[in-house]
Amino acid sequence: MPEPMTSLPTDSPEILYSVERRRFPRVPVPNVVVGLELPEDADATGGVVPEDPSGFTWVGSAIDISMDGLSLALPDDIPLGSEVLLTFKLDADTTLVRVPSMVVRRKPGFGLGAVLFLGWSTTDLQALQAYIDRR
């Protein structure tokens, strides 16, 4: 099973995205809703403070997913290189909670972007692989 690319330097998200870009096939996930949180220390570093009672900083739609990352609708105020935590339910059997990720692509003005998954647990990796294999 492939491991996430955690050994690459994270100071250049553009490089991370170009390396990750097509390592794995992407599966469309048009009906998946994603909750995004900034890490707990985001407030101290000037990050966005969650206002939604659900605890998420932002909620939006996913576009497609691979073993390395997720394309999604993304607000313009989340900077490139931001570390985020994602929560989403792919189907009745596959819910992933607080997945560590990094914003590696943004299209300001269009509300689109992509994240690279970082530091997944083996259980989450296996669940994602099983979901993708079923597609």
C-alpha atoms as a PDB file:
ATOM      1  CA  MET A   1       0.000   0.000   0.000  1.00  0.00           C
ATOM      2  CA  PRO A   2       1.370   3.453  -0.845  1.00  0.00           C
ATOM      3  CA  GLU A   3       2.536   5.672   1.961  1.00  0.00           C
ATOM      4  CA  PRO A   4       1.797   9.405   2.029  1.00  0.00           C
ATOM      5  CA  MET A   5       4.633  11.676   0.971  1.00  0.00           C
ATOM      6  CA  THR A   6       5.657  13.008   4.375  1.00  0.00           C
ATOM      7  CA  SER A   7       9.399  13.084   3.684  1.00  0.00           C
ATOM      8  CA  LEU A   8       9.242  15.924   1.155  1.00  0.00           C
ATOM      9  CA  PRO A   9       9.993  19.455   2.363  1.00  0.00           C
ATOM     10  CA  THR A  10       6.753  21.250   3.205  1.00  0.00           C
ATOM     11  CA  ASP A  11       8.109  24.760   2.693  1.00  0.00           C
ATOM     12  CA  SER A  12       7.214  24.660  -1.008  1.00  0.00           C
ATOM     13  CA  PRO A  13       3.637  23.473  -1.577  1.00  0.00           C
ATOM     14  CA  GLU A  14       3.950  24.065  -5.329  1.00  0.00           C
ATOM     15  CA  ILE A  15       6.686  21.418  -5.519  1.00  0.00           C
ATOM     16  CA  LEU A  16       4.663  19.023  -3.375  1.00  0.00           C
ATOM     17  CA  TYR A  17       1.652  19.361  -5.636  1.00  0.00           C
ATOM     18  CA  SER A  18       3.611  18.951  -8.863  1.00  0.00           C
ATOM     19  CA  VAL A  19       5.243  15.776  -7.513  1.00  0.00           C
ATOM     20  CA  GLU A  20       1.958  14.389  -6.178  1.00  0.00           C
ATOM     21  CA  ARG A  21      -0.175  15.530  -9.051  1.00  0.00           C
ATOM     22  CA  ARG A  22      -0.829  12.256 -10.849  1.00  0.00           C
ATOM     23  CA  ARG A  23       0.859   9.516  -8.832  1.00  0.00           C
ATOM     24  CA  PHE A  24      -2.521   7.876  -8.282  1.00  0.00           C
ATOM     25  CA  PRO A  25      -5.778   7.874 -10.227  1.00  0.00           C
ATOM     26  CA  ARG A  26      -8.406  10.334  -9.050  1.00  0.00           C
ATOM     27  CA  VAL A  27     -11.962   9.297  -8.251  1.00  0.00           C
ATOM     28  CA  PRO A  28     -14.789  11.851  -8.563  1.00  0.00           C
ATOM     29  CA  VAL A  29     -16.626  12.469  -5.272  1.00  0.00           C
ATOM     30  CA  PRO A  30     -19.226  15.107  -6.214  1.00  0.00           C
ATOM     31  CA  ASN A  31     -21.584  14.490  -3.272  1.00  0.00           C
ATOM     32  CA  VAL A  32     -18.960  14.547  -0.511  1.00  0.00           C
ATOM     33  CA  VAL A  33     -19.056  17.410   2.000  1.00  0.00           C
ATOM     34  CA  VAL A  34     -15.759  18.319   3.687  1.00  0.00           C
ATOM     35  CA  GLY A  35     -15.334  20.023   7.046  1.00  0.00           C
ATOM     36  CA  LEU A  36     -12.054  21.932   7.339  1.00  0.00           C
ATOM     37  CA  GLU A  37     -10.360  22.923  10.597  1.00  0.00           C
ATOM     38  CA  LEU A  38      -7.169  24.809  11.158  1.00  0.00           C
ATOM     39  CA  PRO A  39      -4.804  23.289  13.739  1.00  0.00           C
ATOM     40  CA  GLU A  40      -5.405  24.350  17.362  1.00  0.00           C
ATOM     41  CA  ASP A  41      -2.517  26.794  17.290  1.00  0.00           C
ATOM     42  CA  ALA A  42      -3.980  28.690  14.319  1.00  0.00           C
ATOM     43  CA  ASP A  43      -5.429  31.388  16.587  1.00  0.00           C
ATOM     44  CA  ALA A  44      -1.970  32.231  17.956  1.00  0.00           C
ATOM     45  CA  THR A  45      -0.553  32.535  14.439  1.00  0.00           C
ATOM     46  CA  GLY A  46      -3.321  34.743  13.081  1.00  0.00           C
ATOM     47  CA  GLY A  47      -5.359  31.965  11.469  1.00  0.00           C
ATOM     48  CA  VAL A  48      -9.078  32.003  10.918  1.00  0.00           C
ATOM     49  CA  VAL A  49     -11.071  31.524  14.137  1.00  0.00           C
ATOM     50  CA  PRO A  50     -13.865  28.937  13.766  1.00  0.00           C
ATOM     51  CA  GLU A  51     -17.269  30.661  13.899  1.00  0.00           C
ATOM     52  CA  ASP A  52     -19.426  27.723  12.860  1.00  0.00           C
ATOM     53  CA  PRO A  53     -21.015  25.989  15.882  1.00  0.00           C
ATOM     54  CA  SER A  54     -20.074  22.641  14.342  1.00  0.00           C
ATOM     55  CA  GLY A  55     -16.454  23.459  15.126  1.00  0.00           C
ATOM     56  CA  PHE A  56     -15.339  23.595  11.503  1.00  0.00           C
ATOM     57  CA  THR A  57     -13.631  26.690  10.173  1.00  0.00           C
ATOM     58  CA  TRP A  58     -15.215  26.050   6.784  1.00  0.00           C
ATOM     59  CA  VAL A  59     -17.491  23.483   5.112  1.00  0.00           C
ATOM     60  CA  GLY A  60     -17.520  22.835   1.357  1.00  0.00           C
ATOM     61  CA  SER A  61     -17.724  20.288  -1.440  1.00  0.00           C
ATOM     62  CA  ALA A  62     -15.131  17.782  -2.576  1.00  0.00           C
ATOM     63  CA  ILE A  63     -14.407  17.327  -6.290  1.00  0.00           C
ATOM     64  CA  ASP A  64     -12.164  14.260  -6.514  1.00  0.00           C
ATOM     65  CA  ILE A  65      -9.888  12.153  -4.339  1.00  0.00           C
ATOM     66  CA  SER A  66      -6.768  10.017  -4.712  1.00  0.00           C
ATOM     67  CA  MET A  67      -4.480   8.226  -2.273  1.00  0.00           C
ATOM     68  CA  ASP A  68      -2.419  11.421  -2.038  1.00  0.00           C
ATOM     69  CA  GLY A  69      -4.954  14.198  -1.885  1.00  0.00           C
ATOM     70  CA  LEU A  70      -8.290  15.822  -2.443  1.00  0.00           C
ATOM     71  CA  SER A  71      -9.533  18.533  -4.807  1.00  0.00           C
ATOM     72  CA  LEU A  72     -12.218  20.655  -3.232  1.00  0.00           C
ATOM     73  CA  ALA A  73     -13.977  23.967  -3.072  1.00  0.00           C
ATOM     74  CA  LEU A  74     -11.691  26.085  -0.886  1.00  0.00           C
ATOM     75  CA  PRO A  75     -12.112  29.634   0.444  1.00  0.00           C
ATOM     76  CA  ASP A  76      -9.675  32.257  -0.818  1.00  0.00           C
ATOM     77  CA  ASP A  77      -8.561  33.196   2.712  1.00  0.00           C
ATOM     78  CA  ILE A  78      -6.876  29.825   3.375  1.00  0.00           C
ATOM     79  CA  PRO A  79      -3.275  30.473   2.207  1.00  0.00           C
ATOM     80  CA  LEU A  80      -1.222  28.121   0.073  1.00  0.00           C
ATOM     81  CA  GLY A  81       0.893  25.947   2.365  1.00  0.00           C
ATOM     82  CA  SER A  82      -1.620  26.021   5.243  1.00  0.00           C
ATOM     83  CA  GLU A  83      -1.872  22.887   7.313  1.00  0.00           C
ATOM     84  CA  VAL A  84      -5.500  21.874   7.767  1.00  0.00           C
ATOM     85  CA  LEU A  85      -7.519  19.020   9.256  1.00  0.00           C
ATOM     86  CA  LEU A  86     -10.265  17.539   7.072  1.00  0.00           C
ATOM     87  CA  THR A  87     -13.306  15.507   8.067  1.00  0.00           C
ATOM     88  CA  PHE A  88     -15.462  13.836   5.409  1.00  0.00           C
ATOM     89  CA  LYS A  89     -17.681  10.826   4.774  1.00  0.00           C
ATOM     90  CA  LEU A  90     -17.067   9.069   1.458  1.00  0.00           C
ATOM     91  CA  ASP A  91     -19.843   6.494   1.853  1.00  0.00           C
ATOM     92  CA  ALA A  92     -21.724   4.601   4.560  1.00  0.00           C
ATOM     93  CA  ASP A  93     -18.575   2.585   5.374  1.00  0.00           C
ATOM     94  CA  THR A  94     -15.860   5.235   5.020  1.00  0.00           C
ATOM     95  CA  THR A  95     -15.684   8.269   7.298  1.00  0.00           C
ATOM     96  CA  LEU A  96     -12.337   9.999   7.775  1.00  0.00           C
ATOM     97  CA  VAL A  97     -11.908  12.366  10.717  1.00  0.00           C
ATOM     98  CA  ARG A  98      -9.356  15.164  11.168  1.00  0.00           C
ATOM     99  CA  VAL A  99      -7.100  14.033   8.333  1.00  0.00           C
ATOM    100  CA  PRO A 100      -3.851  16.076   8.434  1.00  0.00           C
ATOM    101  CA  SER A 101      -3.406  17.838   5.088  1.00  0.00           C
ATOM    102  CA  MET A 102      -1.655  20.763   3.430  1.00  0.00           C
ATOM    103  CA  VAL A 103      -3.120  23.201   0.902  1.00  0.00           C
ATOM    104  CA  VAL A 104      -0.998  22.733  -2.234  1.00  0.00           C
ATOM    105  CA  ARG A 105      -3.123  24.410  -4.897  1.00  0.00           C
ATOM    106  CA  ARG A 106      -5.555  27.328  -4.940  1.00  0.00           C
ATOM    107  CA  LYS A 107      -7.430  29.165  -7.646  1.00  0.00           C
ATOM    108  CA  PRO A 108      -8.338  32.448  -5.956  1.00  0.00           C
ATOM    109  CA  GLY A 109     -11.577  33.899  -7.207  1.00  0.00           C
ATOM    110  CA  PHE A 110     -12.826  30.483  -8.300  1.00  0.00           C
ATOM    111  CA  GLY A 111     -13.070  28.951  -4.820  1.00  0.00           C
ATOM    112  CA  LEU A 112     -11.134  25.839  -5.847  1.00  0.00           C
ATOM    113  CA  GLY A 113      -8.060  24.157  -4.453  1.00  0.00           C
ATOM    114  CA  ALA A 114      -6.338  20.928  -3.544  1.00  0.00           C
ATOM    115  CA  VAL A 115      -4.765  19.413  -0.466  1.00  0.00           C
ATOM    116  CA  LEU A 116      -2.046  16.821  -0.012  1.00  0.00           C
ATOM    117  CA  PHE A 117      -2.733  14.276   2.720  1.00  0.00           C
ATOM    118  CA  LEU A 118      -0.012  14.081   5.397  1.00  0.00           C
ATOM    119  CA  GLY A 119       0.635  11.616   8.223  1.00  0.00           C
ATOM    120  CA  TRP A 120      -2.295   9.249   7.806  1.00  0.00           C
ATOM    121  CA  SER A 121      -2.868   6.332  10.126  1.00  0.00           C
ATOM    122  CA  THR A 122      -2.641   2.859   8.601  1.00  0.00           C
ATOM    123  CA  THR A 123      -6.354   2.317   9.315  1.00  0.00           C
ATOM    124  CA  ASP A 124      -7.335   5.484   7.426  1.00  0.00           C
ATOM    125  CA  LEU A 125      -5.049   4.618   4.502  1.00  0.00           C
ATOM    126  CA  GLN A 126      -6.605   1.163   4.259  1.00  0.00           C
ATOM    127  CA  ALA A 127     -10.127   2.620   4.408  1.00  0.00           C
ATOM    128  CA  LEU A 128      -9.331   5.102   1.631  1.00  0.00           C
ATOM    129  CA  GLN A 129      -7.697   2.399  -0.516  1.00  0.00           C
ATOM    130  CA  ALA A 130     -10.738   0.144  -0.082  1.00  0.00           C
ATOM    131  CA  TYR A 131     -13.055   3.004  -1.091  1.00  0.00           C
ATOM    132  CA  ILE A 132     -10.997   3.802  -4.210  1.00  0.00           C
ATOM    133  CA  ASP A 133     -10.752   0.111  -5.147  1.00  0.00           C
ATOM    134  CA  ARG A 134     -14.567  -0.158  -5.045  1.00  0.00           C
ATOM    135  CA  ARG A 135     -14.811   2.642  -7.619  1.00  0.00           C
END
